[in-house]
Amino acid sequence: MVSDAQKRANERYRKESVKQFAVRFYPADSDAWEHLQKQPNKAGYIKALIRADMEKNKIQA
């Protein structure tokens, strides 16, 4: 069981360190939505696409 102090610490870390981005898929994007839904790890898949694009364009993080 996680203590209240640990929960507060985890929440504080998440608020300060974790970034989030939402994407909406309209009906015209249904093919992209369906492809994404087939991926077992959606976040990992999106991150891999971004990293591949960065490498292709020689962008350094």
PDB file of N, CA and C in Angstrom:
ATOM      1  N   MET A   1       0.846  -1.184   0.000  1.00  0.00           N
ATOM      2  CA  MET A   1       0.000   0.000   0.000  1.00  0.00           C
ATOM      3  C   MET A   1       0.892   1.249   0.000  1.00  0.00           C
ATOM      4  N   VAL A   2       0.518   2.216  -0.792  1.00  0.00           N
ATOM      5  CA  VAL A   2       1.282   3.451  -0.922  1.00  0.00           C
ATOM      6  C   VAL A   2       0.781   4.460   0.101  1.00  0.00           C
ATOM      7  N   SER A   3       1.717   5.098   0.787  1.00  0.00           N
ATOM      8  CA  SER A   3       1.342   6.080   1.808  1.00  0.00           C
ATOM      9  C   SER A   3       0.818   7.358   1.157  1.00  0.00           C
ATOM     10  N   ASP A   4       0.121   8.173   1.932  1.00  0.00           N
ATOM     11  CA  ASP A   4      -0.379   9.451   1.432  1.00  0.00           C
ATOM     12  C   ASP A   4       0.772  10.352   1.001  1.00  0.00           C
ATOM     13  N   ALA A   5       1.858  10.334   1.745  1.00  0.00           N
ATOM     14  CA  ALA A   5       3.019  11.153   1.391  1.00  0.00           C
ATOM     15  C   ALA A   5       3.593  10.718   0.044  1.00  0.00           C
ATOM     16  N   GLN A   6       3.652   9.416  -0.211  1.00  0.00           N
ATOM     17  CA  GLN A   6       4.170   8.914  -1.482  1.00  0.00           C
ATOM     18  C   GLN A   6       3.230   9.302  -2.623  1.00  0.00           C
ATOM     19  N   LYS A   7       1.928   9.233  -2.379  1.00  0.00           N
ATOM     20  CA  LYS A   7       0.956   9.650  -3.402  1.00  0.00           C
ATOM     21  C   LYS A   7       1.139  11.122  -3.746  1.00  0.00           C
ATOM     22  N   ARG A   8       1.323  11.961  -2.731  1.00  0.00           N
ATOM     23  CA  ARG A   8       1.531  13.394  -2.959  1.00  0.00           C
ATOM     24  C   ARG A   8       2.831  13.634  -3.721  1.00  0.00           C
ATOM     25  N   ALA A   9       3.877  12.911  -3.356  1.00  0.00           N
ATOM     26  CA  ALA A   9       5.163  13.057  -4.037  1.00  0.00           C
ATOM     27  C   ALA A   9       5.047  12.634  -5.502  1.00  0.00           C
ATOM     28  N   ASN A  10       4.363  11.536  -5.753  1.00  0.00           N
ATOM     29  CA  ASN A  10       4.174  11.065  -7.126  1.00  0.00           C
ATOM     30  C   ASN A  10       3.377  12.069  -7.945  1.00  0.00           C
ATOM     31  N   GLU A  11       2.338  12.619  -7.357  1.00  0.00           N
ATOM     32  CA  GLU A  11       1.501  13.599  -8.044  1.00  0.00           C
ATOM     33  C   GLU A  11       2.302  14.875  -8.336  1.00  0.00           C
ATOM     34  N   ARG A  12       3.095  15.323  -7.391  1.00  0.00           N
ATOM     35  CA  ARG A  12       3.919  16.513  -7.587  1.00  0.00           C
ATOM     36  C   ARG A  12       4.933  16.278  -8.714  1.00  0.00           C
ATOM     37  N   TYR A  13       5.568  15.108  -8.718  1.00  0.00           N
ATOM     38  CA  TYR A  13       6.518  14.773  -9.784  1.00  0.00           C
ATOM     39  C   TYR A  13       5.817  14.784 -11.138  1.00  0.00           C
ATOM     40  N   ARG A  14       4.658  14.153 -11.210  1.00  0.00           N
ATOM     41  CA  ARG A  14       3.921  14.071 -12.472  1.00  0.00           C
ATOM     42  C   ARG A  14       3.557  15.461 -12.982  1.00  0.00           C
ATOM     43  N   LYS A  15       3.090  16.325 -12.100  1.00  0.00           N
ATOM     44  CA  LYS A  15       2.721  17.679 -12.508  1.00  0.00           C
ATOM     45  C   LYS A  15       3.918  18.475 -12.998  1.00  0.00           C
ATOM     46  N   GLU A  16       5.072  18.301 -12.394  1.00  0.00           N
ATOM     47  CA  GLU A  16       6.261  19.070 -12.734  1.00  0.00           C
ATOM     48  C   GLU A  16       7.031  18.501 -13.918  1.00  0.00           C
ATOM     49  N   SER A  17       6.975  17.198 -14.136  1.00  0.00           N
ATOM     50  CA  SER A  17       7.892  16.562 -15.084  1.00  0.00           C
ATOM     51  C   SER A  17       7.241  15.924 -16.310  1.00  0.00           C
ATOM     52  N   VAL A  18       6.016  15.495 -16.206  1.00  0.00           N
ATOM     53  CA  VAL A  18       5.397  14.739 -17.295  1.00  0.00           C
ATOM     54  C   VAL A  18       4.660  15.691 -18.231  1.00  0.00           C
ATOM     55  N   LYS A  19       4.918  15.544 -19.533  1.00  0.00           N
ATOM     56  CA  LYS A  19       4.261  16.355 -20.558  1.00  0.00           C
ATOM     57  C   LYS A  19       3.158  15.522 -21.209  1.00  0.00           C
ATOM     58  N   GLN A  20       2.106  16.210 -21.649  1.00  0.00           N
ATOM     59  CA  GLN A  20       0.974  15.519 -22.234  1.00  0.00           C
ATOM     60  C   GLN A  20       0.494  16.296 -23.452  1.00  0.00           C
ATOM     61  N   PHE A  21       0.007  15.578 -24.467  1.00  0.00           N
ATOM     62  CA  PHE A  21      -0.489  16.208 -25.677  1.00  0.00           C
ATOM     63  C   PHE A  21      -1.676  15.389 -26.179  1.00  0.00           C
ATOM     64  N   ALA A  22      -2.758  16.060 -26.514  1.00  0.00           N
ATOM     65  CA  ALA A  22      -3.957  15.371 -27.005  1.00  0.00           C
ATOM     66  C   ALA A  22      -4.085  15.585 -28.510  1.00  0.00           C
ATOM     67  N   VAL A  23      -4.547  14.560 -29.202  1.00  0.00           N
ATOM     68  CA  VAL A  23      -4.760  14.633 -30.647  1.00  0.00           C
ATOM     69  C   VAL A  23      -6.192  14.192 -30.929  1.00  0.00           C
ATOM     70  N   ARG A  24      -6.870  14.956 -31.761  1.00  0.00           N
ATOM     71  CA  ARG A  24      -8.227  14.594 -32.162  1.00  0.00           C
ATOM     72  C   ARG A  24      -8.189  14.044 -33.584  1.00  0.00           C
ATOM     73  N   PHE A  25      -8.942  12.993 -33.824  1.00  0.00           N
ATOM     74  CA  PHE A  25      -9.042  12.392 -35.147  1.00  0.00           C
ATOM     75  C   PHE A  25     -10.459  12.615 -35.665  1.00  0.00           C
ATOM     76  N   TYR A  26     -10.574  13.381 -36.719  1.00  0.00           N
ATOM     77  CA  TYR A  26     -11.868  13.634 -37.348  1.00  0.00           C
ATOM     78  C   TYR A  26     -12.160  12.520 -38.349  1.00  0.00           C
ATOM     79  N   PRO A  27     -13.398  12.449 -38.847  1.00  0.00           N
ATOM     80  CA  PRO A  27     -13.736  11.358 -39.779  1.00  0.00           C
ATOM     81  C   PRO A  27     -12.786  11.244 -40.972  1.00  0.00           C
ATOM     82  N   ALA A  28     -12.250  12.343 -41.444  1.00  0.00           N
ATOM     83  CA  ALA A  28     -11.313  12.288 -42.577  1.00  0.00           C
ATOM     84  C   ALA A  28     -10.023  11.568 -42.209  1.00  0.00           C
ATOM     85  N   ASP A  29      -9.740  11.456 -40.903  1.00  0.00           N
ATOM     86  CA  ASP A  29      -8.525  10.796 -40.421  1.00  0.00           C
ATOM     87  C   ASP A  29      -8.781   9.381 -39.934  1.00  0.00           C
ATOM     88  N   SER A  30      -9.899   8.814 -40.311  1.00  0.00           N
ATOM     89  CA  SER A  30     -10.272   7.503 -39.769  1.00  0.00           C
ATOM     90  C   SER A  30      -9.251   6.416 -40.097  1.00  0.00           C
ATOM     91  N   ASP A  31      -8.585   6.521 -41.245  1.00  0.00           N
ATOM     92  CA  ASP A  31      -7.577   5.517 -41.583  1.00  0.00           C
ATOM     93  C   ASP A  31      -6.402   5.583 -40.608  1.00  0.00           C
ATOM     94  N   ALA A  32      -5.983   6.785 -40.255  1.00  0.00           N
ATOM     95  CA  ALA A  32      -4.889   6.939 -39.294  1.00  0.00           C
ATOM     96  C   ALA A  32      -5.324   6.449 -37.913  1.00  0.00           C
ATOM     97  N   TRP A  33      -6.563   6.743 -37.519  1.00  0.00           N
ATOM     98  CA  TRP A  33      -7.092   6.300 -36.232  1.00  0.00           C
ATOM     99  C   TRP A  33      -7.117   4.768 -36.169  1.00  0.00           C
ATOM    100  N   GLU A  34      -7.607   4.143 -37.214  1.00  0.00           N
ATOM    101  CA  GLU A  34      -7.693   2.686 -37.239  1.00  0.00           C
ATOM    102  C   GLU A  34      -6.303   2.052 -37.175  1.00  0.00           C
ATOM    103  N   HIS A  35      -5.350   2.652 -37.856  1.00  0.00           N
ATOM    104  CA  HIS A  35      -3.984   2.121 -37.817  1.00  0.00           C
ATOM    105  C   HIS A  35      -3.411   2.253 -36.405  1.00  0.00           C
ATOM    106  N   LEU A  36      -3.620   3.394 -35.783  1.00  0.00           N
ATOM    107  CA  LEU A  36      -3.130   3.604 -34.422  1.00  0.00           C
ATOM    108  C   LEU A  36      -3.770   2.613 -33.453  1.00  0.00           C
ATOM    109  N   GLN A  37      -5.031   2.321 -33.631  1.00  0.00           N
ATOM    110  CA  GLN A  37      -5.720   1.402 -32.731  1.00  0.00           C
ATOM    111  C   GLN A  37      -5.172  -0.019 -32.815  1.00  0.00           C
ATOM    112  N   LYS A  38      -4.526  -0.362 -33.909  1.00  0.00           N
ATOM    113  CA  LYS A  38      -3.945  -1.697 -34.073  1.00  0.00           C
ATOM    114  C   LYS A  38      -2.614  -1.849 -33.341  1.00  0.00           C
ATOM    115  N   GLN A  39      -2.037  -0.736 -32.886  1.00  0.00           N
ATOM    116  CA  GLN A  39      -0.733  -0.769 -32.222  1.00  0.00           C
ATOM    117  C   GLN A  39      -0.894  -1.174 -30.763  1.00  0.00           C
ATOM    118  N   PRO A  40      -0.110  -2.139 -30.295  1.00  0.00           N
ATOM    119  CA  PRO A  40      -0.234  -2.574 -28.894  1.00  0.00           C
ATOM    120  C   PRO A  40       0.263  -1.520 -27.899  1.00  0.00           C
ATOM    121  N   ASN A  41       1.220  -0.697 -28.314  1.00  0.00           N
ATOM    122  CA  ASN A  41       1.757   0.350 -27.447  1.00  0.00           C
ATOM    123  C   ASN A  41       1.656   1.666 -28.220  1.00  0.00           C
ATOM    124  N   LYS A  42       0.536   2.345 -28.066  1.00  0.00           N
ATOM    125  CA  LYS A  42       0.269   3.546 -28.855  1.00  0.00           C
ATOM    126  C   LYS A  42       1.266   4.668 -28.568  1.00  0.00           C
ATOM    127  N   ALA A  43       1.550   4.925 -27.309  1.00  0.00           N
ATOM    128  CA  ALA A  43       2.493   5.986 -26.953  1.00  0.00           C
ATOM    129  C   ALA A  43       3.884   5.658 -27.492  1.00  0.00           C
ATOM    130  N   GLY A  44       4.315   4.420 -27.340  1.00  0.00           N
ATOM    131  CA  GLY A  44       5.617   4.010 -27.853  1.00  0.00           C
ATOM    132  C   GLY A  44       5.690   4.130 -29.367  1.00  0.00           C
ATOM    133  N   TYR A  45       4.606   3.795 -30.035  1.00  0.00           N
ATOM    134  CA  TYR A  45       4.544   3.884 -31.495  1.00  0.00           C
ATOM    135  C   TYR A  45       4.684   5.336 -31.943  1.00  0.00           C
ATOM    136  N   ILE A  46       3.951   6.242 -31.303  1.00  0.00           N
ATOM    137  CA  ILE A  46       4.009   7.664 -31.656  1.00  0.00           C
ATOM    138  C   ILE A  46       5.397   8.226 -31.376  1.00  0.00           C
ATOM    139  N   LYS A  47       5.981   7.868 -30.232  1.00  0.00           N
ATOM    140  CA  LYS A  47       7.329   8.344 -29.900  1.00  0.00           C
ATOM    141  C   LYS A  47       8.350   7.829 -30.912  1.00  0.00           C
ATOM    142  N   ALA A  48       8.209   6.584 -31.352  1.00  0.00           N
ATOM    143  CA  ALA A  48       9.131   6.022 -32.344  1.00  0.00           C
ATOM    144  C   ALA A  48       9.013   6.761 -33.674  1.00  0.00           C
ATOM    145  N   LEU A  49       7.791   7.121 -34.061  1.00  0.00           N
ATOM    146  CA  LEU A  49       7.605   7.884 -35.295  1.00  0.00           C
ATOM    147  C   LEU A  49       8.273   9.251 -35.195  1.00  0.00           C
ATOM    148  N   ILE A  50       8.126   9.897 -34.048  1.00  0.00           N
ATOM    149  CA  ILE A  50       8.745  11.218 -33.853  1.00  0.00           C
ATOM    150  C   ILE A  50      10.261  11.100 -33.900  1.00  0.00           C
ATOM    151  N   ARG A  51      10.805  10.098 -33.215  1.00  0.00           N
ATOM    152  CA  ARG A  51      12.263   9.924 -33.210  1.00  0.00           C
ATOM    153  C   ARG A  51      12.798   9.604 -34.605  1.00  0.00           C
ATOM    154  N   ALA A  52      12.055   8.798 -35.357  1.00  0.00           N
ATOM    155  CA  ALA A  52      12.472   8.479 -36.729  1.00  0.00           C
ATOM    156  C   ALA A  52      12.471   9.740 -37.583  1.00  0.00           C
ATOM    157  N   ASP A  53      11.478  10.595 -37.405  1.00  0.00           N
ATOM    158  CA  ASP A  53      11.413  11.847 -38.143  1.00  0.00           C
ATOM    159  C   ASP A  53      12.547  12.774 -37.730  1.00  0.00           C
ATOM    160  N   MET A  54      12.862  12.807 -36.436  1.00  0.00           N
ATOM    161  CA  MET A  54      13.975  13.626 -35.954  1.00  0.00           C
ATOM    162  C   MET A  54      15.285  13.154 -36.583  1.00  0.00           C
ATOM    163  N   GLU A  55      15.489  11.845 -36.628  1.00  0.00           N
ATOM    164  CA  GLU A  55      16.704  11.281 -37.211  1.00  0.00           C
ATOM    165  C   GLU A  55      16.766  11.595 -38.702  1.00  0.00           C
ATOM    166  N   LYS A  56      15.654  11.438 -39.373  1.00  0.00           N
ATOM    167  CA  LYS A  56      15.587  11.713 -40.806  1.00  0.00           C
ATOM    168  C   LYS A  56      15.951  13.166 -41.086  1.00  0.00           C
ATOM    169  N   ASN A  57      15.508  14.068 -40.222  1.00  0.00           N
ATOM    170  CA  ASN A  57      15.757  15.491 -40.416  1.00  0.00           C
ATOM    171  C   ASN A  57      16.952  15.995 -39.616  1.00  0.00           C
ATOM    172  N   LYS A  58      17.691  15.068 -38.992  1.00  0.00           N
ATOM    173  CA  LYS A  58      18.906  15.384 -38.224  1.00  0.00           C
ATOM    174  C   LYS A  58      18.673  16.417 -37.130  1.00  0.00           C
ATOM    175  N   ILE A  59      17.560  16.279 -36.429  1.00  0.00           N
ATOM    176  CA  ILE A  59      17.255  17.167 -35.317  1.00  0.00           C
ATOM    177  C   ILE A  59      17.782  16.522 -34.052  1.00  0.00           C
ATOM    178  N   GLN A  60      18.541  17.245 -33.276  1.00  0.00           N
ATOM    179  CA  GLN A  60      19.075  16.745 -32.022  1.00  0.00           C
ATOM    180  C   GLN A  60      18.175  17.168 -30.874  1.00  0.00           C
ATOM    181  N   ALA A  61      17.892  16.238 -29.983  1.00  0.00           N
ATOM    182  CA  ALA A  61      17.045  16.539 -28.833  1.00  0.00           C
ATOM    183  C   ALA A  61      17.797  17.344 -27.791  1.00  0.00           C
TER     184      ALA A  61
END
